[in-house]
Amino acid sequence: MKRVTNDEVAQAWLEGREAVSHTGNFSTDGKKIYSYELQIGDTSDGKKIVRDYTAKGSYGFRSQTTSCHVGLLRWVPGHETQPIII
């Protein structure tokens, strides 16, 4: 699979497509999305759900990079329907 930018991984997830970041640390199968090996998002009844693994998030802080990955999913440009953050 071709490696893409982190922004493109987020877009692919919202569109239900597979993608892997240039570093391999941010990836999606189109339904689930991962920061490293940690699942940070899922698809339920067609809705995208993001688990908030940031310092003030409900799932607690994991790493700076994971926080950045969650941040990229908070609002993805060009998409009318945005993920739900829990």
C-alpha atoms as a PDB file:
ATOM      1  CA  MET A   1       0.000   0.000   0.000  1.00  0.00           C
ATOM      2  CA  LYS A   2       1.267   3.467  -0.865  1.00  0.00           C
ATOM      3  CA  ARG A   3       2.231   5.594   2.140  1.00  0.00           C
ATOM      4  CA  VAL A   4       0.396   8.914   2.492  1.00  0.00           C
ATOM      5  CA  THR A   5       0.327  11.962   4.780  1.00  0.00           C
ATOM      6  CA  ASN A   6      -1.420  11.910   8.151  1.00  0.00           C
ATOM      7  CA  ASP A   7      -4.135  14.224   6.771  1.00  0.00           C
ATOM      8  CA  GLU A   8      -4.777  11.740   3.964  1.00  0.00           C
ATOM      9  CA  VAL A   9      -5.108   8.889   6.486  1.00  0.00           C
ATOM     10  CA  ALA A  10      -7.809  10.876   8.333  1.00  0.00           C
ATOM     11  CA  GLN A  11      -9.631  11.597   5.067  1.00  0.00           C
ATOM     12  CA  ALA A  12      -9.416   7.966   3.976  1.00  0.00           C
ATOM     13  CA  TRP A  13     -10.957   6.816   7.265  1.00  0.00           C
ATOM     14  CA  LEU A  14     -13.905   9.184   6.874  1.00  0.00           C
ATOM     15  CA  GLU A  15     -14.377   7.912   3.323  1.00  0.00           C
ATOM     16  CA  GLY A  16     -14.100   4.242   4.361  1.00  0.00           C
ATOM     17  CA  ARG A  17     -10.817   3.582   2.536  1.00  0.00           C
ATOM     18  CA  GLU A  18      -7.581   1.923   3.696  1.00  0.00           C
ATOM     19  CA  ALA A  19      -4.502   4.094   4.243  1.00  0.00           C
ATOM     20  CA  VAL A  20      -1.138   4.070   6.030  1.00  0.00           C
ATOM     21  CA  SER A  21       0.925   7.123   6.965  1.00  0.00           C
ATOM     22  CA  HIS A  22       4.430   7.736   5.656  1.00  0.00           C
ATOM     23  CA  THR A  23       5.848   6.544   9.008  1.00  0.00           C
ATOM     24  CA  GLY A  24       3.436   3.621   9.382  1.00  0.00           C
ATOM     25  CA  ASN A  25       2.305   4.936  12.787  1.00  0.00           C
ATOM     26  CA  PHE A  26      -1.156   6.154  11.696  1.00  0.00           C
ATOM     27  CA  SER A  27      -3.349   3.744   9.751  1.00  0.00           C
ATOM     28  CA  THR A  28      -6.891   2.745   8.888  1.00  0.00           C
ATOM     29  CA  ASP A  29      -8.678  -0.180   7.305  1.00  0.00           C
ATOM     30  CA  GLY A  30     -11.559   2.159   6.460  1.00  0.00           C
ATOM     31  CA  LYS A  31     -13.564   1.197   9.536  1.00  0.00           C
ATOM     32  CA  LYS A  32     -11.067   1.377  12.404  1.00  0.00           C
ATOM     33  CA  ILE A  33      -8.216   3.840  12.765  1.00  0.00           C
ATOM     34  CA  TYR A  34      -5.015   3.360  14.742  1.00  0.00           C
ATOM     35  CA  SER A  35      -2.257   5.421  16.301  1.00  0.00           C
ATOM     36  CA  TYR A  36       0.614   2.955  16.483  1.00  0.00           C
ATOM     37  CA  GLU A  37      -1.183  -0.229  17.662  1.00  0.00           C
ATOM     38  CA  LEU A  38      -3.818   1.674  19.686  1.00  0.00           C
ATOM     39  CA  GLN A  39      -7.289   1.831  18.148  1.00  0.00           C
ATOM     40  CA  ILE A  40      -8.385   5.463  18.437  1.00  0.00           C
ATOM     41  CA  GLY A  41     -11.493   5.346  16.264  1.00  0.00           C
ATOM     42  CA  ASP A  42     -14.200   3.078  14.950  1.00  0.00           C
ATOM     43  CA  THR A  43     -17.258   3.066  12.698  1.00  0.00           C
ATOM     44  CA  SER A  44     -20.645   2.286  14.231  1.00  0.00           C
ATOM     45  CA  ASP A  45     -23.882   2.393  12.210  1.00  0.00           C
ATOM     46  CA  GLY A  46     -22.077   4.476   9.583  1.00  0.00           C
ATOM     47  CA  LYS A  47     -20.882   7.044  12.144  1.00  0.00           C
ATOM     48  CA  LYS A  48     -17.216   7.675  12.875  1.00  0.00           C
ATOM     49  CA  ILE A  49     -16.376   7.655  16.589  1.00  0.00           C
ATOM     50  CA  VAL A  50     -13.032   8.930  17.954  1.00  0.00           C
ATOM     51  CA  ARG A  51     -11.693   8.006  21.392  1.00  0.00           C
ATOM     52  CA  ASP A  52     -10.114  11.068  22.967  1.00  0.00           C
ATOM     53  CA  TYR A  53      -6.624   9.993  24.056  1.00  0.00           C
ATOM     54  CA  THR A  54      -5.431  13.536  24.810  1.00  0.00           C
ATOM     55  CA  ALA A  55      -4.342  15.057  28.129  1.00  0.00           C
ATOM     56  CA  LYS A  56      -7.863  16.323  28.903  1.00  0.00           C
ATOM     57  CA  GLY A  57      -9.672  13.539  27.058  1.00  0.00           C
ATOM     58  CA  SER A  58     -11.963  10.912  28.505  1.00  0.00           C
ATOM     59  CA  TYR A  59      -9.553   8.057  27.629  1.00  0.00           C
ATOM     60  CA  GLY A  60      -6.457   9.729  29.087  1.00  0.00           C
ATOM     61  CA  PHE A  61      -3.119  10.721  27.622  1.00  0.00           C
ATOM     62  CA  ARG A  62      -1.072   8.068  25.789  1.00  0.00           C
ATOM     63  CA  SER A  63       1.598   9.985  23.863  1.00  0.00           C
ATOM     64  CA  GLN A  64       2.180  13.295  22.101  1.00  0.00           C
ATOM     65  CA  THR A  65       1.942  11.594  18.720  1.00  0.00           C
ATOM     66  CA  THR A  66      -1.337   9.859  19.583  1.00  0.00           C
ATOM     67  CA  SER A  67      -2.707  13.211  20.795  1.00  0.00           C
ATOM     68  CA  CYS A  68      -1.757  14.695  17.417  1.00  0.00           C
ATOM     69  CA  HIS A  69      -3.479  11.842  15.589  1.00  0.00           C
ATOM     70  CA  VAL A  70      -6.666  12.388  17.638  1.00  0.00           C
ATOM     71  CA  GLY A  71      -6.409  16.112  16.889  1.00  0.00           C
ATOM     72  CA  LEU A  72      -6.342  15.413  13.157  1.00  0.00           C
ATOM     73  CA  LEU A  73      -9.663  13.583  13.506  1.00  0.00           C
ATOM     74  CA  ARG A  74     -11.472  16.366  15.376  1.00  0.00           C
ATOM     75  CA  TRP A  75     -12.242  18.178  12.132  1.00  0.00           C
ATOM     76  CA  VAL A  76     -11.293  16.886   8.698  1.00  0.00           C
ATOM     77  CA  PRO A  77     -11.433  19.575   5.974  1.00  0.00           C
ATOM     78  CA  GLY A  78     -13.755  18.961   3.053  1.00  0.00           C
ATOM     79  CA  HIS A  79     -16.161  16.657   4.893  1.00  0.00           C
ATOM     80  CA  GLU A  80     -19.662  17.734   5.820  1.00  0.00           C
ATOM     81  CA  THR A  81     -20.072  14.968   8.402  1.00  0.00           C
ATOM     82  CA  GLN A  82     -17.372  15.039  11.065  1.00  0.00           C
ATOM     83  CA  PRO A  83     -16.438  12.331  13.609  1.00  0.00           C
ATOM     84  CA  ILE A  84     -17.991  12.193  17.062  1.00  0.00           C
ATOM     85  CA  ILE A  85     -15.413  12.642  19.838  1.00  0.00           C
ATOM     86  CA  ILE A  86     -15.977  10.630  23.006  1.00  0.00           C
END
